[in-house]
Amino acid sequence: MTEHDPAVRAAVEGELRLLDPEVRRSHEQLGSLLHPDFHEFGSSGRRWDRASTMARLPADTDPAAARYAVTSEIQGVRLAPDIVHLTFDTEYNGVHAHRSSLWRRTADGWQMYFHQGTPFSPEGE
């Protein structure tokens, strides 16, 4: 990670907030982090847009969960003044995924514009 870049730090903080079950269950907090044009290719292979994500995450997030997923190897790079690319891995209930997201700075702050999750087997790495 480019640790000294405040844009990268802001994107990482946003990404980690999106993995927080409390944020995932809050329509208001979730909405503040997702860009109006947000879209995703999920690790399930399904396409998601902002509206479907906003409907799905609060309903699907376990209220008793202390955290959504374990993250590792998070790295970020600023691609343009208002664009940051993050890559990292997650493990959730034994399922591993490589993840990539694009964050855009807007008038409302840093928001996730795009996300992709690709499942992988740690034994195959």
C-alpha atoms as a PDB file:
ATOM      1  CA  MET A   1       0.000   0.000   0.000  1.00  0.00           C
ATOM      2  CA  THR A   2       1.162   3.521  -0.654  1.00  0.00           C
ATOM      3  CA  GLU A   3       0.912   4.265   3.059  1.00  0.00           C
ATOM      4  CA  HIS A   4       1.712   7.953   2.810  1.00  0.00           C
ATOM      5  CA  ASP A   5      -0.990   8.725   0.256  1.00  0.00           C
ATOM      6  CA  PRO A   6      -4.089  10.083   2.031  1.00  0.00           C
ATOM      7  CA  ALA A   7      -6.289   9.034  -0.910  1.00  0.00           C
ATOM      8  CA  VAL A   8      -5.201   5.402  -0.579  1.00  0.00           C
ATOM      9  CA  ARG A   9      -5.678   5.538   3.200  1.00  0.00           C
ATOM     10  CA  ALA A  10      -9.199   6.945   2.728  1.00  0.00           C
ATOM     11  CA  ALA A  11     -10.105   4.183   0.253  1.00  0.00           C
ATOM     12  CA  VAL A  12      -8.744   1.471   2.583  1.00  0.00           C
ATOM     13  CA  GLU A  13     -10.731   2.944   5.478  1.00  0.00           C
ATOM     14  CA  GLY A  14     -13.877   2.932   3.324  1.00  0.00           C
ATOM     15  CA  GLU A  15     -13.252  -0.643   2.213  1.00  0.00           C
ATOM     16  CA  LEU A  16     -12.818  -1.821   5.800  1.00  0.00           C
ATOM     17  CA  ARG A  17     -15.979   0.024   6.824  1.00  0.00           C
ATOM     18  CA  LEU A  18     -17.898  -1.826   4.091  1.00  0.00           C
ATOM     19  CA  LEU A  19     -16.753  -5.091   5.670  1.00  0.00           C
ATOM     20  CA  ASP A  20     -18.108  -4.042   9.076  1.00  0.00           C
ATOM     21  CA  PRO A  21     -21.446  -5.821   9.748  1.00  0.00           C
ATOM     22  CA  GLU A  22     -22.868  -2.722  11.445  1.00  0.00           C
ATOM     23  CA  VAL A  23     -22.192  -0.653   8.318  1.00  0.00           C
ATOM     24  CA  ARG A  24     -23.502  -3.429   6.045  1.00  0.00           C
ATOM     25  CA  ARG A  25     -26.792  -3.453   7.976  1.00  0.00           C
ATOM     26  CA  SER A  26     -27.188   0.346   7.875  1.00  0.00           C
ATOM     27  CA  HIS A  27     -28.858   1.677   4.754  1.00  0.00           C
ATOM     28  CA  GLU A  28     -27.572   5.178   5.537  1.00  0.00           C
ATOM     29  CA  GLN A  29     -23.929   4.191   6.150  1.00  0.00           C
ATOM     30  CA  LEU A  30     -23.898   1.801   3.208  1.00  0.00           C
ATOM     31  CA  GLY A  31     -25.376   4.458   0.934  1.00  0.00           C
ATOM     32  CA  SER A  32     -22.703   6.974   1.917  1.00  0.00           C
ATOM     33  CA  LEU A  33     -19.956   4.559   0.793  1.00  0.00           C
ATOM     34  CA  LEU A  34     -21.438   3.353  -2.510  1.00  0.00           C
ATOM     35  CA  HIS A  35     -21.179   5.621  -5.550  1.00  0.00           C
ATOM     36  CA  PRO A  36     -24.512   6.301  -7.319  1.00  0.00           C
ATOM     37  CA  ASP A  37     -23.175   4.378 -10.363  1.00  0.00           C
ATOM     38  CA  PHE A  38     -21.753   1.504  -8.275  1.00  0.00           C
ATOM     39  CA  HIS A  39     -21.626  -1.950  -9.865  1.00  0.00           C
ATOM     40  CA  GLU A  40     -20.064  -5.247  -8.909  1.00  0.00           C
ATOM     41  CA  PHE A  41     -19.195  -8.645 -10.277  1.00  0.00           C
ATOM     42  CA  GLY A  42     -19.613 -10.746  -7.154  1.00  0.00           C
ATOM     43  CA  SER A  43     -17.607 -13.818  -6.225  1.00  0.00           C
ATOM     44  CA  SER A  44     -20.821 -15.740  -6.934  1.00  0.00           C
ATOM     45  CA  GLY A  45     -20.556 -14.640 -10.574  1.00  0.00           C
ATOM     46  CA  ARG A  46     -23.636 -12.447 -10.229  1.00  0.00           C
ATOM     47  CA  ARG A  47     -23.783  -8.798 -11.333  1.00  0.00           C
ATOM     48  CA  TRP A  48     -24.964  -6.281  -8.769  1.00  0.00           C
ATOM     49  CA  ASP A  49     -25.831  -2.592  -9.038  1.00  0.00           C
ATOM     50  CA  ARG A  50     -26.219  -0.049  -6.250  1.00  0.00           C
ATOM     51  CA  ALA A  51     -29.944  -0.651  -5.724  1.00  0.00           C
ATOM     52  CA  SER A  52     -29.627  -4.438  -5.528  1.00  0.00           C
ATOM     53  CA  THR A  53     -26.617  -4.149  -3.224  1.00  0.00           C
ATOM     54  CA  MET A  54     -28.436  -1.688  -0.970  1.00  0.00           C
ATOM     55  CA  ALA A  55     -31.359  -4.119  -0.727  1.00  0.00           C
ATOM     56  CA  ARG A  56     -29.260  -7.272  -0.282  1.00  0.00           C
ATOM     57  CA  LEU A  57     -26.537  -6.368   2.221  1.00  0.00           C
ATOM     58  CA  PRO A  58     -28.691  -5.163   5.130  1.00  0.00           C
ATOM     59  CA  ALA A  59     -30.967  -8.208   4.792  1.00  0.00           C
ATOM     60  CA  ASP A  60     -28.143 -10.746   4.356  1.00  0.00           C
ATOM     61  CA  THR A  61     -25.766  -9.537   7.083  1.00  0.00           C
ATOM     62  CA  ASP A  62     -25.897 -11.566  10.299  1.00  0.00           C
ATOM     63  CA  PRO A  63     -26.749  -9.188  13.180  1.00  0.00           C
ATOM     64  CA  ALA A  64     -24.667 -11.324  15.569  1.00  0.00           C
ATOM     65  CA  ALA A  65     -21.522 -11.209  13.419  1.00  0.00           C
ATOM     66  CA  ALA A  66     -18.567  -9.383  14.944  1.00  0.00           C
ATOM     67  CA  ARG A  67     -17.031  -8.949  11.484  1.00  0.00           C
ATOM     68  CA  TYR A  68     -17.933  -9.920   7.950  1.00  0.00           C
ATOM     69  CA  ALA A  69     -14.652 -11.316   6.630  1.00  0.00           C
ATOM     70  CA  VAL A  70     -10.967 -11.611   7.379  1.00  0.00           C
ATOM     71  CA  THR A  71      -8.917  -9.452   5.013  1.00  0.00           C
ATOM     72  CA  SER A  72      -5.286  -9.817   4.037  1.00  0.00           C
ATOM     73  CA  GLU A  73      -2.730  -8.379   1.642  1.00  0.00           C
ATOM     74  CA  ILE A  74      -4.586  -5.108   1.106  1.00  0.00           C
ATOM     75  CA  GLN A  75      -2.739  -2.869  -1.323  1.00  0.00           C
ATOM     76  CA  GLY A  76      -3.698   0.375  -2.972  1.00  0.00           C
ATOM     77  CA  VAL A  77      -2.496   2.727  -5.654  1.00  0.00           C
ATOM     78  CA  ARG A  78      -3.792   6.080  -6.823  1.00  0.00           C
ATOM     79  CA  LEU A  79      -4.588   5.831 -10.543  1.00  0.00           C
ATOM     80  CA  ALA A  80      -5.657   9.473 -10.953  1.00  0.00           C
ATOM     81  CA  PRO A  81      -6.235  12.402  -8.593  1.00  0.00           C
ATOM     82  CA  ASP A  82      -9.724  11.137  -7.718  1.00  0.00           C
ATOM     83  CA  ILE A  83      -9.385   7.367  -8.363  1.00  0.00           C
ATOM     84  CA  VAL A  84      -7.830   4.686  -6.123  1.00  0.00           C
ATOM     85  CA  HIS A  85      -7.516   0.983  -6.949  1.00  0.00           C
ATOM     86  CA  LEU A  86      -7.436  -1.517  -4.065  1.00  0.00           C
ATOM     87  CA  THR A  87      -6.662  -5.225  -4.153  1.00  0.00           C
ATOM     88  CA  PHE A  88      -6.887  -7.671  -1.258  1.00  0.00           C
ATOM     89  CA  ASP A  89      -7.990 -11.146  -0.245  1.00  0.00           C
ATOM     90  CA  THR A  90     -10.848 -12.198   2.012  1.00  0.00           C
ATOM     91  CA  GLU A  91     -11.854 -15.348   3.809  1.00  0.00           C
ATOM     92  CA  TYR A  92     -15.453 -15.780   4.908  1.00  0.00           C
ATOM     93  CA  ASN A  93     -16.836 -19.045   6.237  1.00  0.00           C
ATOM     94  CA  GLY A  94     -13.973 -20.951   4.596  1.00  0.00           C
ATOM     95  CA  VAL A  95     -14.463 -19.294   1.188  1.00  0.00           C
ATOM     96  CA  HIS A  96     -11.494 -17.320  -0.144  1.00  0.00           C
ATOM     97  CA  ALA A  97     -11.730 -14.519  -2.715  1.00  0.00           C
ATOM     98  CA  HIS A  98      -9.334 -12.160  -4.448  1.00  0.00           C
ATOM     99  CA  ARG A  99     -10.961  -8.729  -4.445  1.00  0.00           C
ATOM    100  CA  SER A 100     -10.478  -5.564  -6.455  1.00  0.00           C
ATOM    101  CA  SER A 101     -12.246  -2.245  -6.065  1.00  0.00           C
ATOM    102  CA  LEU A 102     -12.162   1.236  -7.514  1.00  0.00           C
ATOM    103  CA  TRP A 103     -12.838   4.198  -5.260  1.00  0.00           C
ATOM    104  CA  ARG A 104     -13.786   7.665  -6.552  1.00  0.00           C
ATOM    105  CA  ARG A 105     -13.565  10.918  -4.652  1.00  0.00           C
ATOM    106  CA  THR A 106     -16.861  12.788  -4.937  1.00  0.00           C
ATOM    107  CA  ALA A 107     -18.393  15.831  -3.275  1.00  0.00           C
ATOM    108  CA  ASP A 108     -19.664  13.357  -0.641  1.00  0.00           C
ATOM    109  CA  GLY A 109     -16.196  11.866  -0.014  1.00  0.00           C
ATOM    110  CA  TRP A 110     -14.576   8.630  -1.195  1.00  0.00           C
ATOM    111  CA  GLN A 111     -17.102   6.139  -2.579  1.00  0.00           C
ATOM    112  CA  MET A 112     -16.769   2.665  -4.045  1.00  0.00           C
ATOM    113  CA  TYR A 113     -17.474   2.815  -7.774  1.00  0.00           C
ATOM    114  CA  PHE A 114     -16.665  -0.789  -8.774  1.00  0.00           C
ATOM    115  CA  HIS A 115     -15.947  -4.071  -7.018  1.00  0.00           C
ATOM    116  CA  GLN A 116     -15.073  -7.577  -8.160  1.00  0.00           C
ATOM    117  CA  GLY A 117     -14.599 -10.749  -6.153  1.00  0.00           C
ATOM    118  CA  THR A 118     -12.980 -13.857  -7.640  1.00  0.00           C
ATOM    119  CA  PRO A 119     -13.040 -17.094  -5.631  1.00  0.00           C
ATOM    120  CA  PHE A 120      -9.800 -19.011  -5.216  1.00  0.00           C
ATOM    121  CA  SER A 121      -8.477 -22.039  -3.413  1.00  0.00           C
ATOM    122  CA  PRO A 122      -5.566 -21.280  -1.083  1.00  0.00           C
ATOM    123  CA  GLU A 123      -4.095 -24.678  -1.922  1.00  0.00           C
ATOM    124  CA  GLY A 124      -3.862 -23.663  -5.583  1.00  0.00           C
ATOM    125  CA  GLU A 125      -1.899 -20.501  -4.912  1.00  0.00           C
END
